[in-house]
């Protein structure tokens, strides 16, 4: 049963997770294993039955991490909300990390790391 659970998680990691469009919030916030990788380790170490309550706790922690990241993202996105003829406060690295939503901005290449303009 443990091997089946691990195989299912591995399948999720290989085929589903890369296509869902976002990363594990806990991993992003804490710079550690994703929930799926953590749970695979739990199953390997404790077995699936004993891993379930620990996995549930991790999912709760991941939800909290998601709320924290969402809150931080909202704060950083505020300068980009006025999209037309406004200065966009997003730095290129913020755009690449998905911190600032510029889906309706036309971003000029600043080249020097300064703020880019939205048109």
PDB file of N, CA and C in Angstrom:
ATOM      1  N   UNK A   1       0.823  -1.186   0.000  1.00  0.00           N
ATOM      2  CA  UNK A   1       0.000   0.000   0.000  1.00  0.00           C
ATOM      3  C   UNK A   1       0.876   1.262   0.000  1.00  0.00           C
ATOM      4  N   UNK A   2       1.958   1.232   0.779  1.00  0.00           N
ATOM      5  CA  UNK A   2       2.861   2.385   0.819  1.00  0.00           C
ATOM      6  C   UNK A   2       3.467   2.667  -0.553  1.00  0.00           C
ATOM      7  N   UNK A   3       3.898   1.611  -1.239  1.00  0.00           N
ATOM      8  CA  UNK A   3       4.505   1.783  -2.560  1.00  0.00           C
ATOM      9  C   UNK A   3       3.495   2.327  -3.573  1.00  0.00           C
ATOM     10  N   UNK A   4       2.247   1.897  -3.457  1.00  0.00           N
ATOM     11  CA  UNK A   4       1.205   2.409  -4.353  1.00  0.00           C
ATOM     12  C   UNK A   4       0.976   3.904  -4.125  1.00  0.00           C
ATOM     13  N   UNK A   5       0.957   4.315  -2.866  1.00  0.00           N
ATOM     14  CA  UNK A   5       0.761   5.732  -2.542  1.00  0.00           C
ATOM     15  C   UNK A   5       1.930   6.561  -3.068  1.00  0.00           C
ATOM     16  N   UNK A   6       3.130   6.050  -2.874  1.00  0.00           N
ATOM     17  CA  UNK A   6       4.315   6.757  -3.364  1.00  0.00           C
ATOM     18  C   UNK A   6       4.304   6.841  -4.886  1.00  0.00           C
ATOM     19  N   UNK A   7       3.901   5.770  -5.550  1.00  0.00           N
ATOM     20  CA  UNK A   7       3.809   5.774  -7.016  1.00  0.00           C
ATOM     21  C   UNK A   7       2.761   6.781  -7.491  1.00  0.00           C
ATOM     22  N   UNK A   8       1.640   6.859  -6.792  1.00  0.00           N
ATOM     23  CA  UNK A   8       0.601   7.824  -7.155  1.00  0.00           C
ATOM     24  C   UNK A   8       1.104   9.263  -6.996  1.00  0.00           C
ATOM     25  N   UNK A   9       1.810   9.531  -5.929  1.00  0.00           N
ATOM     26  CA  UNK A   9       2.354  10.876  -5.709  1.00  0.00           C
ATOM     27  C   UNK A   9       3.414  11.194  -6.770  1.00  0.00           C
ATOM     28  N   UNK A  10       4.240  10.231  -7.088  1.00  0.00           N
ATOM     29  CA  UNK A  10       5.251  10.428  -8.130  1.00  0.00           C
ATOM     30  C   UNK A  10       4.584  10.734  -9.467  1.00  0.00           C
ATOM     31  N   UNK A  11       3.509  10.033  -9.788  1.00  0.00           N
ATOM     32  CA  UNK A  11       2.749  10.313 -11.008  1.00  0.00           C
ATOM     33  C   UNK A  11       2.182  11.719 -11.008  1.00  0.00           C
ATOM     34  N   UNK A  12       1.643  12.126  -9.865  1.00  0.00           N
ATOM     35  CA  UNK A  12       1.137  13.495  -9.725  1.00  0.00           C
ATOM     36  C   UNK A  12       2.268  14.498  -9.965  1.00  0.00           C
ATOM     37  N   UNK A  13       3.425  14.257  -9.342  1.00  0.00           N
ATOM     38  CA  UNK A  13       4.552  15.182  -9.485  1.00  0.00           C
ATOM     39  C   UNK A  13       5.043  15.272 -10.932  1.00  0.00           C
ATOM     40  N   UNK A  14       5.009  14.149 -11.625  1.00  0.00           N
ATOM     41  CA  UNK A  14       5.549  14.106 -12.984  1.00  0.00           C
ATOM     42  C   UNK A  14       4.565  14.620 -14.039  1.00  0.00           C
ATOM     43  N   UNK A  15       3.285  14.288 -13.897  1.00  0.00           N
ATOM     44  CA  UNK A  15       2.336  14.570 -14.967  1.00  0.00           C
ATOM     45  C   UNK A  15       1.331  15.682 -14.671  1.00  0.00           C
ATOM     46  N   UNK A  16       0.941  15.850 -13.438  1.00  0.00           N
ATOM     47  CA  UNK A  16      -0.100  16.836 -13.115  1.00  0.00           C
ATOM     48  C   UNK A  16       0.497  18.142 -12.611  1.00  0.00           C
ATOM     49  N   UNK A  17       1.360  18.056 -11.618  1.00  0.00           N
ATOM     50  CA  UNK A  17       1.897  19.255 -10.985  1.00  0.00           C
ATOM     51  C   UNK A  17       2.541  20.238 -11.965  1.00  0.00           C
ATOM     52  N   UNK A  18       3.343  19.783 -12.929  1.00  0.00           N
ATOM     53  CA  UNK A  18       3.969  20.750 -13.846  1.00  0.00           C
ATOM     54  C   UNK A  18       2.968  21.501 -14.725  1.00  0.00           C
ATOM     55  N   UNK A  19       1.772  20.963 -14.863  1.00  0.00           N
ATOM     56  CA  UNK A  19       0.782  21.559 -15.755  1.00  0.00           C
ATOM     57  C   UNK A  19      -0.259  22.407 -15.022  1.00  0.00           C
ATOM     58  N   UNK A  20      -0.242  22.413 -13.714  1.00  0.00           N
ATOM     59  CA  UNK A  20      -1.295  23.125 -12.982  1.00  0.00           C
ATOM     60  C   UNK A  20      -1.084  24.629 -12.917  1.00  0.00           C
ATOM     61  N   UNK A  21       0.121  25.094 -13.178  1.00  0.00           N
ATOM     62  CA  UNK A  21       0.340  26.530 -13.291  1.00  0.00           C
ATOM     63  C   UNK A  21       0.766  27.243 -12.025  1.00  0.00           C
ATOM     64  N   UNK A  22       0.976  26.559 -10.946  1.00  0.00           N
ATOM     65  CA  UNK A  22       1.454  27.194  -9.726  1.00  0.00           C
ATOM     66  C   UNK A  22       2.253  26.195  -8.909  1.00  0.00           C
ATOM     67  N   UNK A  23       3.029  26.721  -7.976  1.00  0.00           N
ATOM     68  CA  UNK A  23       3.870  25.879  -7.132  1.00  0.00           C
ATOM     69  C   UNK A  23       3.261  25.738  -5.750  1.00  0.00           C
ATOM     70  N   UNK A  24       3.727  24.745  -5.023  1.00  0.00           N
ATOM     71  CA  UNK A  24       3.299  24.531  -3.649  1.00  0.00           C
ATOM     72  C   UNK A  24       3.627  25.780  -2.831  1.00  0.00           C
ATOM     73  N   UNK A  25       2.620  26.359  -2.205  1.00  0.00           N
ATOM     74  CA  UNK A  25       2.804  27.587  -1.433  1.00  0.00           C
ATOM     75  C   UNK A  25       3.764  27.396  -0.267  1.00  0.00           C
ATOM     76  N   UNK A  26       3.680  26.249   0.385  1.00  0.00           N
ATOM     77  CA  UNK A  26       4.570  25.990   1.513  1.00  0.00           C
ATOM     78  C   UNK A  26       6.021  25.966   1.036  1.00  0.00           C
ATOM     79  N   UNK A  27       6.270  25.317  -0.094  1.00  0.00           N
ATOM     80  CA  UNK A  27       7.620  25.251  -0.657  1.00  0.00           C
ATOM     81  C   UNK A  27       8.137  26.639  -1.005  1.00  0.00           C
ATOM     82  N   UNK A  28       7.293  27.445  -1.625  1.00  0.00           N
ATOM     83  CA  UNK A  28       7.698  28.788  -2.035  1.00  0.00           C
ATOM     84  C   UNK A  28       7.992  29.663  -0.822  1.00  0.00           C
ATOM     85  N   UNK A  29       7.124  29.629   0.170  1.00  0.00           N
ATOM     86  CA  UNK A  29       7.291  30.496   1.340  1.00  0.00           C
ATOM     87  C   UNK A  29       8.478  30.099   2.199  1.00  0.00           C
ATOM     88  N   UNK A  30       8.659  28.795   2.396  1.00  0.00           N
ATOM     89  CA  UNK A  30       9.682  28.307   3.323  1.00  0.00           C
ATOM     90  C   UNK A  30      10.944  27.764   2.639  1.00  0.00           C
ATOM     91  N   UNK A  31      10.946  27.772   1.312  1.00  0.00           N
ATOM     92  CA  UNK A  31      12.098  27.291   0.542  1.00  0.00           C
ATOM     93  C   UNK A  31      12.527  25.885   0.979  1.00  0.00           C
ATOM     94  N   UNK A  32      11.563  24.980   0.945  1.00  0.00           N
ATOM     95  CA  UNK A  32      11.784  23.600   1.375  1.00  0.00           C
ATOM     96  C   UNK A  32      11.044  22.652   0.439  1.00  0.00           C
ATOM     97  N   UNK A  33      10.890  21.404   0.830  1.00  0.00           N
ATOM     98  CA  UNK A  33      10.170  20.422   0.017  1.00  0.00           C
ATOM     99  C   UNK A  33       8.732  20.845  -0.228  1.00  0.00           C
ATOM    100  N   UNK A  34       8.222  20.488  -1.401  1.00  0.00           N
ATOM    101  CA  UNK A  34       6.796  20.678  -1.676  1.00  0.00           C
ATOM    102  C   UNK A  34       6.006  19.718  -0.791  1.00  0.00           C
ATOM    103  N   UNK A  35       4.715  19.946  -0.696  1.00  0.00           N
ATOM    104  CA  UNK A  35       3.870  19.060   0.108  1.00  0.00           C
ATOM    105  C   UNK A  35       3.934  17.628  -0.411  1.00  0.00           C
ATOM    106  N   UNK A  36       3.901  17.459  -1.722  1.00  0.00           N
ATOM    107  CA  UNK A  36       3.921  16.096  -2.258  1.00  0.00           C
ATOM    108  C   UNK A  36       5.239  15.396  -1.936  1.00  0.00           C
ATOM    109  N   UNK A  37       6.344  16.104  -2.045  1.00  0.00           N
ATOM    110  CA  UNK A  37       7.639  15.493  -1.726  1.00  0.00           C
ATOM    111  C   UNK A  37       7.723  15.182  -0.234  1.00  0.00           C
ATOM    112  N   UNK A  38       7.242  16.090   0.597  1.00  0.00           N
ATOM    113  CA  UNK A  38       7.245  15.893   2.053  1.00  0.00           C
ATOM    114  C   UNK A  38       6.409  14.657   2.424  1.00  0.00           C
ATOM    115  N   UNK A  39       5.255  14.521   1.797  1.00  0.00           N
ATOM    116  CA  UNK A  39       4.374  13.399   2.121  1.00  0.00           C
ATOM    117  C   UNK A  39       4.972  12.076   1.634  1.00  0.00           C
ATOM    118  N   UNK A  40       5.652  12.089   0.504  1.00  0.00           N
ATOM    119  CA  UNK A  40       6.362  10.881   0.077  1.00  0.00           C
ATOM    120  C   UNK A  40       7.393  10.458   1.129  1.00  0.00           C
ATOM    121  N   UNK A  41       8.103  11.425   1.673  1.00  0.00           N
ATOM    122  CA  UNK A  41       9.087  11.120   2.714  1.00  0.00           C
ATOM    123  C   UNK A  41       8.407  10.582   3.972  1.00  0.00           C
ATOM    124  N   UNK A  42       7.255  11.163   4.325  1.00  0.00           N
ATOM    125  CA  UNK A  42       6.513  10.677   5.495  1.00  0.00           C
ATOM    126  C   UNK A  42       6.092   9.228   5.308  1.00  0.00           C
ATOM    127  N   UNK A  43       5.555   8.922   4.136  1.00  0.00           N
ATOM    128  CA  UNK A  43       5.096   7.554   3.868  1.00  0.00           C
ATOM    129  C   UNK A  43       6.269   6.579   3.927  1.00  0.00           C
ATOM    130  N   UNK A  44       7.399   6.982   3.359  1.00  0.00           N
ATOM    131  CA  UNK A  44       8.584   6.127   3.385  1.00  0.00           C
ATOM    132  C   UNK A  44       9.044   5.874   4.817  1.00  0.00           C
ATOM    133  N   UNK A  45       9.011   6.907   5.640  1.00  0.00           N
ATOM    134  CA  UNK A  45       9.528   6.792   7.002  1.00  0.00           C
ATOM    135  C   UNK A  45       8.540   6.143   7.973  1.00  0.00           C
ATOM    136  N   UNK A  46       7.247   6.527   7.887  1.00  0.00           N
ATOM    137  CA  UNK A  46       6.265   6.096   8.892  1.00  0.00           C
ATOM    138  C   UNK A  46       5.204   5.132   8.374  1.00  0.00           C
ATOM    139  N   UNK A  47       5.046   5.042   7.064  1.00  0.00           N
ATOM    140  CA  UNK A  47       3.939   4.269   6.506  1.00  0.00           C
ATOM    141  C   UNK A  47       2.746   5.178   6.285  1.00  0.00           C
ATOM    142  N   UNK A  48       1.856   4.749   5.394  1.00  0.00           N
ATOM    143  CA  UNK A  48       0.756   5.617   4.984  1.00  0.00           C
ATOM    144  C   UNK A  48      -0.225   5.927   6.128  1.00  0.00           C
ATOM    145  N   UNK A  49      -0.502   4.974   6.961  1.00  0.00           N
ATOM    146  CA  UNK A  49      -1.474   5.187   8.049  1.00  0.00           C
ATOM    147  C   UNK A  49      -0.982   6.266   9.011  1.00  0.00           C
ATOM    148  N   UNK A  50       0.264   6.168   9.439  1.00  0.00           N
ATOM    149  CA  UNK A  50       0.812   7.163  10.363  1.00  0.00           C
ATOM    150  C   UNK A  50       1.129   8.484   9.669  1.00  0.00           C
ATOM    151  N   UNK A  51       1.269   8.466   8.361  1.00  0.00           N
ATOM    152  CA  UNK A  51       1.574   9.689   7.621  1.00  0.00           C
ATOM    153  C   UNK A  51       0.337  10.566   7.416  1.00  0.00           C
ATOM    154  N   UNK A  52      -0.845   9.992   7.443  1.00  0.00           N
ATOM    155  CA  UNK A  52      -2.064  10.747   7.140  1.00  0.00           C
ATOM    156  C   UNK A  52      -2.267  11.953   8.062  1.00  0.00           C
ATOM    157  N   UNK A  53      -2.198  11.805   9.408  1.00  0.00           N
ATOM    158  CA  UNK A  53      -2.396  12.996  10.242  1.00  0.00           C
ATOM    159  C   UNK A  53      -1.309  14.056  10.023  1.00  0.00           C
ATOM    160  N   UNK A  54      -0.081  13.619   9.757  1.00  0.00           N
ATOM    161  CA  UNK A  54       1.000  14.567   9.500  1.00  0.00           C
ATOM    162  C   UNK A  54       0.788  15.270   8.157  1.00  0.00           C
ATOM    163  N   UNK A  55       0.281  14.537   7.185  1.00  0.00           N
ATOM    164  CA  UNK A  55      -0.023  15.130   5.883  1.00  0.00           C
ATOM    165  C   UNK A  55      -1.142  16.161   6.017  1.00  0.00           C
ATOM    166  N   UNK A  56      -2.168  15.840   6.805  1.00  0.00           N
ATOM    167  CA  UNK A  56      -3.257  16.793   7.020  1.00  0.00           C
ATOM    168  C   UNK A  56      -2.745  18.081   7.654  1.00  0.00           C
ATOM    169  N   UNK A  57      -1.830  17.955   8.600  1.00  0.00           N
ATOM    170  CA  UNK A  57      -1.250  19.140   9.233  1.00  0.00           C
ATOM    171  C   UNK A  57      -0.449  19.955   8.218  1.00  0.00           C
ATOM    172  N   UNK A  58       0.268  19.263   7.361  1.00  0.00           N
ATOM    173  CA  UNK A  58       1.057  19.962   6.340  1.00  0.00           C
ATOM    174  C   UNK A  58       0.142  20.706   5.383  1.00  0.00           C
ATOM    175  N   UNK A  59      -0.980  20.085   4.995  1.00  0.00           N
ATOM    176  CA  UNK A  59      -1.916  20.769   4.095  1.00  0.00           C
ATOM    177  C   UNK A  59      -2.490  22.024   4.750  1.00  0.00           C
ATOM    178  N   UNK A  60      -2.751  21.973   6.036  1.00  0.00           N
ATOM    179  CA  UNK A  60      -3.212  23.177   6.749  1.00  0.00           C
ATOM    180  C   UNK A  60      -2.136  24.254   6.738  1.00  0.00           C
ATOM    181  N   UNK A  61      -0.893  23.843   6.963  1.00  0.00           N
ATOM    182  CA  UNK A  61       0.219  24.794   6.931  1.00  0.00           C
ATOM    183  C   UNK A  61       0.402  25.370   5.528  1.00  0.00           C
ATOM    184  N   UNK A  62       0.185  24.550   4.523  1.00  0.00           N
ATOM    185  CA  UNK A  62       0.297  25.009   3.143  1.00  0.00           C
ATOM    186  C   UNK A  62      -0.797  26.026   2.821  1.00  0.00           C
ATOM    187  N   UNK A  63      -1.991  25.788   3.332  1.00  0.00           N
ATOM    188  CA  UNK A  63      -3.074  26.746   3.124  1.00  0.00           C
ATOM    189  C   UNK A  63      -2.710  28.090   3.761  1.00  0.00           C
ATOM    190  N   UNK A  64      -2.157  28.059   4.968  1.00  0.00           N
ATOM    191  CA  UNK A  64      -1.732  29.297   5.622  1.00  0.00           C
ATOM    192  C   UNK A  64      -0.634  29.985   4.821  1.00  0.00           C
ATOM    193  N   UNK A  65       0.302  29.212   4.288  1.00  0.00           N
ATOM    194  CA  UNK A  65       1.364  29.775   3.460  1.00  0.00           C
ATOM    195  C   UNK A  65       0.768  30.435   2.221  1.00  0.00           C
ATOM    196  N   UNK A  66      -0.233  29.805   1.643  1.00  0.00           N
ATOM    197  CA  UNK A  66      -0.902  30.368   0.476  1.00  0.00           C
ATOM    198  C   UNK A  66      -1.549  31.711   0.804  1.00  0.00           C
ATOM    199  N   UNK A  67      -2.192  31.783   1.955  1.00  0.00           N
ATOM    200  CA  UNK A  67      -2.822  33.046   2.374  1.00  0.00           C
ATOM    201  C   UNK A  67      -1.778  34.140   2.573  1.00  0.00           C
ATOM    202  N   UNK A  68      -0.651  33.777   3.155  1.00  0.00           N
ATOM    203  CA  UNK A  68       0.426  34.744   3.368  1.00  0.00           C
ATOM    204  C   UNK A  68       0.967  35.228   2.028  1.00  0.00           C
ATOM    205  N   UNK A  69       1.246  34.300   1.124  1.00  0.00           N
ATOM    206  CA  UNK A  69       1.769  34.677  -0.190  1.00  0.00           C
ATOM    207  C   UNK A  69       0.768  35.519  -0.970  1.00  0.00           C
ATOM    208  N   UNK A  70      -0.493  35.157  -0.879  1.00  0.00           N
ATOM    209  CA  UNK A  70      -1.531  35.922  -1.576  1.00  0.00           C
ATOM    210  C   UNK A  70      -1.584  37.348  -1.029  1.00  0.00           C
ATOM    211  N   UNK A  71      -1.501  37.478   0.277  1.00  0.00           N
ATOM    212  CA  UNK A  71      -1.519  38.802   0.907  1.00  0.00           C
ATOM    213  C   UNK A  71      -0.322  39.629   0.451  1.00  0.00           C
ATOM    214  N   UNK A  72       0.867  39.014   0.438  1.00  0.00           N
ATOM    215  CA  UNK A  72       2.074  39.714  -0.007  1.00  0.00           C
ATOM    216  C   UNK A  72       1.969  40.098  -1.469  1.00  0.00           C
ATOM    217  N   UNK A  73       1.414  39.211  -2.272  1.00  0.00           N
ATOM    218  CA  UNK A  73       1.261  39.481  -3.698  1.00  0.00           C
ATOM    219  C   UNK A  73       0.309  40.643  -3.926  1.00  0.00           C
ATOM    220  N   UNK A  74      -0.775  40.688  -3.180  1.00  0.00           N
ATOM    221  CA  UNK A  74      -1.734  41.780  -3.327  1.00  0.00           C
ATOM    222  C   UNK A  74      -1.086  43.125  -3.004  1.00  0.00           C
ATOM    223  N   UNK A  75      -0.264  43.157  -1.980  1.00  0.00           N
ATOM    224  CA  UNK A  75       0.426  44.398  -1.618  1.00  0.00           C
ATOM    225  C   UNK A  75       1.352  44.842  -2.731  1.00  0.00           C
ATOM    226  N   UNK A  76       2.060  43.885  -3.335  1.00  0.00           N
ATOM    227  CA  UNK A  76       3.011  44.217  -4.388  1.00  0.00           C
ATOM    228  C   UNK A  76       2.322  44.519  -5.711  1.00  0.00           C
ATOM    229  N   UNK A  77       1.096  44.055  -5.899  1.00  0.00           N
ATOM    230  CA  UNK A  77       0.405  44.282  -7.164  1.00  0.00           C
ATOM    231  C   UNK A  77      -0.286  45.637  -7.207  1.00  0.00           C
ATOM    232  N   UNK A  78      -0.551  46.238  -6.076  1.00  0.00           N
ATOM    233  CA  UNK A  78      -1.296  47.491  -6.066  1.00  0.00           C
ATOM    234  C   UNK A  78      -0.737  48.531  -7.026  1.00  0.00           C
ATOM    235  N   UNK A  79       0.598  48.734  -7.104  1.00  0.00           N
ATOM    236  CA  UNK A  79       1.081  49.739  -8.052  1.00  0.00           C
ATOM    237  C   UNK A  79       0.759  49.405  -9.497  1.00  0.00           C
ATOM    238  N   UNK A  80       0.473  48.145  -9.799  1.00  0.00           N
ATOM    239  CA  UNK A  80       0.210  47.754 -11.185  1.00  0.00           C
ATOM    240  C   UNK A  80      -1.278  47.765 -11.521  1.00  0.00           C
ATOM    241  N   UNK A  81      -2.117  48.132 -10.590  1.00  0.00           N
ATOM    242  CA  UNK A  81      -3.548  48.056 -10.850  1.00  0.00           C
ATOM    243  C   UNK A  81      -4.005  49.116 -11.851  1.00  0.00           C
ATOM    244  N   UNK A  82      -3.421  50.297 -11.830  1.00  0.00           N
ATOM    245  CA  UNK A  82      -3.767  51.328 -12.808  1.00  0.00           C
ATOM    246  C   UNK A  82      -2.919  51.095 -14.041  1.00  0.00           C
ATOM    247  N   UNK A  83      -3.465  50.339 -14.966  1.00  0.00           N
ATOM    248  CA  UNK A  83      -2.645  49.836 -16.056  1.00  0.00           C
ATOM    249  C   UNK A  83      -2.441  50.832 -17.185  1.00  0.00           C
ATOM    250  N   UNK A  84      -3.391  51.656 -17.454  1.00  0.00           N
ATOM    251  CA  UNK A  84      -3.289  52.530 -18.613  1.00  0.00           C
ATOM    252  C   UNK A  84      -2.550  53.813 -18.259  1.00  0.00           C
ATOM    253  N   UNK A  85      -1.496  54.112 -19.003  1.00  0.00           N
ATOM    254  CA  UNK A  85      -0.709  55.333 -18.861  1.00  0.00           C
ATOM    255  C   UNK A  85      -0.203  55.566 -17.453  1.00  0.00           C
ATOM    256  N   UNK A  86       0.131  54.512 -16.758  1.00  0.00           N
ATOM    257  CA  UNK A  86       0.671  54.627 -15.405  1.00  0.00           C
ATOM    258  C   UNK A  86       2.037  53.980 -15.372  1.00  0.00           C
ATOM    259  N   UNK A  87       2.867  54.392 -14.420  1.00  0.00           N
ATOM    260  CA  UNK A  87       4.146  53.719 -14.208  1.00  0.00           C
ATOM    261  C   UNK A  87       3.872  52.412 -13.486  1.00  0.00           C
ATOM    262  N   UNK A  88       4.431  51.365 -13.982  1.00  0.00           N
ATOM    263  CA  UNK A  88       4.309  50.065 -13.354  1.00  0.00           C
ATOM    264  C   UNK A  88       5.457  49.905 -12.375  1.00  0.00           C
ATOM    265  N   UNK A  89       5.167  49.556 -11.151  1.00  0.00           N
ATOM    266  CA  UNK A  89       6.190  49.444 -10.126  1.00  0.00           C
ATOM    267  C   UNK A  89       6.822  48.055 -10.072  1.00  0.00           C
ATOM    268  N   UNK A  90       6.522  47.243 -11.044  1.00  0.00           N
ATOM    269  CA  UNK A  90       7.064  45.886 -11.060  1.00  0.00           C
ATOM    270  C   UNK A  90       8.480  45.894 -11.591  1.00  0.00           C
ATOM    271  N   UNK A  91       9.340  45.226 -10.870  1.00  0.00           N
ATOM    272  CA  UNK A  91      10.701  45.014 -11.353  1.00  0.00           C
ATOM    273  C   UNK A  91      10.673  43.768 -12.236  1.00  0.00           C
ATOM    274  N   UNK A  92      11.586  43.667 -13.172  1.00  0.00           N
ATOM    275  CA  UNK A  92      11.582  42.496 -14.058  1.00  0.00           C
ATOM    276  C   UNK A  92      11.599  41.166 -13.307  1.00  0.00           C
ATOM    277  N   UNK A  93      12.352  41.086 -12.209  1.00  0.00           N
ATOM    278  CA  UNK A  93      12.399  39.824 -11.461  1.00  0.00           C
ATOM    279  C   UNK A  93      11.058  39.527 -10.787  1.00  0.00           C
ATOM    280  N   UNK A  94      10.288  40.583 -10.403  1.00  0.00           N
ATOM    281  CA  UNK A  94       8.961  40.376  -9.834  1.00  0.00           C
ATOM    282  C   UNK A  94       8.016  39.809 -10.876  1.00  0.00           C
ATOM    283  N   UNK A  95       8.152  40.289 -12.095  1.00  0.00           N
ATOM    284  CA  UNK A  95       7.306  39.799 -13.180  1.00  0.00           C
ATOM    285  C   UNK A  95       7.616  38.326 -13.445  1.00  0.00           C
ATOM    286  N   UNK A  96       8.902  37.980 -13.511  1.00  0.00           N
ATOM    287  CA  UNK A  96       9.298  36.598 -13.789  1.00  0.00           C
ATOM    288  C   UNK A  96       8.847  35.654 -12.684  1.00  0.00           C
ATOM    289  N   UNK A  97       8.827  36.124 -11.428  1.00  0.00           N
ATOM    290  CA  UNK A  97       8.415  35.287 -10.311  1.00  0.00           C
ATOM    291  C   UNK A  97       6.900  35.263 -10.148  1.00  0.00           C
ATOM    292  N   UNK A  98       6.183  36.041 -10.949  1.00  0.00           N
ATOM    293  CA  UNK A  98       4.732  36.064 -10.854  1.00  0.00           C
ATOM    294  C   UNK A  98       4.218  36.871  -9.690  1.00  0.00           C
ATOM    295  N   UNK A  99       5.056  37.739  -9.101  1.00  0.00           N
ATOM    296  CA  UNK A  99       4.633  38.550  -7.967  1.00  0.00           C
ATOM    297  C   UNK A  99       3.709  39.663  -8.433  1.00  0.00           C
ATOM    298  N   UNK A 100       3.953  40.182  -9.607  1.00  0.00           N
ATOM    299  CA  UNK A 100       3.155  41.295 -10.114  1.00  0.00           C
ATOM    300  C   UNK A 100       2.405  40.854 -11.366  1.00  0.00           C
ATOM    301  N   UNK A 101       1.117  41.065 -11.372  1.00  0.00           N
ATOM    302  CA  UNK A 101       0.300  40.669 -12.510  1.00  0.00           C
ATOM    303  C   UNK A 101       0.337  41.774 -13.552  1.00  0.00           C
ATOM    304  N   UNK A 102       0.992  41.505 -14.625  1.00  0.00           N
ATOM    305  CA  UNK A 102       1.108  42.492 -15.694  1.00  0.00           C
ATOM    306  C   UNK A 102       0.501  41.951 -16.977  1.00  0.00           C
ATOM    307  N   UNK A 103      -0.510  41.136 -16.843  1.00  0.00           N
ATOM    308  CA  UNK A 103      -1.075  40.484 -18.015  1.00  0.00           C
ATOM    309  C   UNK A 103      -1.691  41.477 -18.998  1.00  0.00           C
ATOM    310  N   UNK A 104      -2.044  42.668 -18.527  1.00  0.00           N
ATOM    311  CA  UNK A 104      -2.621  43.665 -19.410  1.00  0.00           C
ATOM    312  C   UNK A 104      -1.667  44.826 -19.652  1.00  0.00           C
ATOM    313  N   UNK A 105      -0.435  44.690 -19.212  1.00  0.00           N
ATOM    314  CA  UNK A 105       0.571  45.730 -19.413  1.00  0.00           C
ATOM    315  C   UNK A 105       1.430  45.378 -20.608  1.00  0.00           C
ATOM    316  N   UNK A 106       1.874  46.390 -21.276  1.00  0.00           N
ATOM    317  CA  UNK A 106       2.911  46.200 -22.275  1.00  0.00           C
ATOM    318  C   UNK A 106       4.192  46.691 -21.616  1.00  0.00           C
ATOM    319  N   UNK A 107       5.092  45.793 -21.302  1.00  0.00           N
ATOM    320  CA  UNK A 107       6.272  46.112 -20.518  1.00  0.00           C
ATOM    321  C   UNK A 107       7.429  46.455 -21.442  1.00  0.00           C
ATOM    322  N   UNK A 108       8.038  47.595 -21.177  1.00  0.00           N
ATOM    323  CA  UNK A 108       9.241  47.934 -21.922  1.00  0.00           C
ATOM    324  C   UNK A 108      10.428  47.296 -21.226  1.00  0.00           C
ATOM    325  N   UNK A 109      11.441  47.018 -21.968  1.00  0.00           N
ATOM    326  CA  UNK A 109      12.642  46.416 -21.404  1.00  0.00           C
ATOM    327  C   UNK A 109      13.501  47.512 -20.815  1.00  0.00           C
ATOM    328  N   UNK A 110      13.565  47.570 -19.497  1.00  0.00           N
ATOM    329  CA  UNK A 110      14.329  48.615 -18.830  1.00  0.00           C
ATOM    330  C   UNK A 110      15.818  48.386 -18.978  1.00  0.00           C
ATOM    331  N   UNK A 111      16.238  47.133 -18.876  1.00  0.00           N
ATOM    332  CA  UNK A 111      17.630  46.797 -19.055  1.00  0.00           C
ATOM    333  C   UNK A 111      18.522  47.107 -17.869  1.00  0.00           C
ATOM    334  N   UNK A 112      18.151  48.104 -17.089  1.00  0.00           N
ATOM    335  CA  UNK A 112      19.006  48.491 -15.964  1.00  0.00           C
ATOM    336  C   UNK A 112      18.431  48.097 -14.623  1.00  0.00           C
ATOM    337  N   UNK A 113      17.376  47.311 -14.604  1.00  0.00           N
ATOM    338  CA  UNK A 113      16.760  46.885 -13.353  1.00  0.00           C
ATOM    339  C   UNK A 113      15.807  47.904 -12.761  1.00  0.00           C
ATOM    340  N   UNK A 114      15.627  49.034 -13.419  1.00  0.00           N
ATOM    341  CA  UNK A 114      14.701  50.038 -12.909  1.00  0.00           C
ATOM    342  C   UNK A 114      13.267  49.623 -13.222  1.00  0.00           C
ATOM    343  N   UNK A 115      12.330  50.356 -12.660  1.00  0.00           N
ATOM    344  CA  UNK A 115      10.927  50.036 -12.889  1.00  0.00           C
ATOM    345  C   UNK A 115      10.588  50.184 -14.365  1.00  0.00           C
ATOM    346  N   UNK A 116       9.724  49.315 -14.830  1.00  0.00           N
ATOM    347  CA  UNK A 116       9.309  49.350 -16.230  1.00  0.00           C
ATOM    348  C   UNK A 116       8.036  50.151 -16.366  1.00  0.00           C
ATOM    349  N   UNK A 117       7.755  50.569 -17.560  1.00  0.00           N
ATOM    350  CA  UNK A 117       6.546  51.340 -17.815  1.00  0.00           C
ATOM    351  C   UNK A 117       5.438  50.448 -18.327  1.00  0.00           C
ATOM    352  N   UNK A 118       4.237  50.739 -17.906  1.00  0.00           N
ATOM    353  CA  UNK A 118       3.051  50.064 -18.441  1.00  0.00           C
ATOM    354  C   UNK A 118       2.369  51.022 -19.401  1.00  0.00           C
ATOM    355  N   UNK A 119       1.901  50.494 -20.513  1.00  0.00           N
ATOM    356  CA  UNK A 119       1.166  51.322 -21.479  1.00  0.00           C
ATOM    357  C   UNK A 119      -0.221  50.780 -21.658  1.00  0.00           C
TER     358      UNK A 119
END
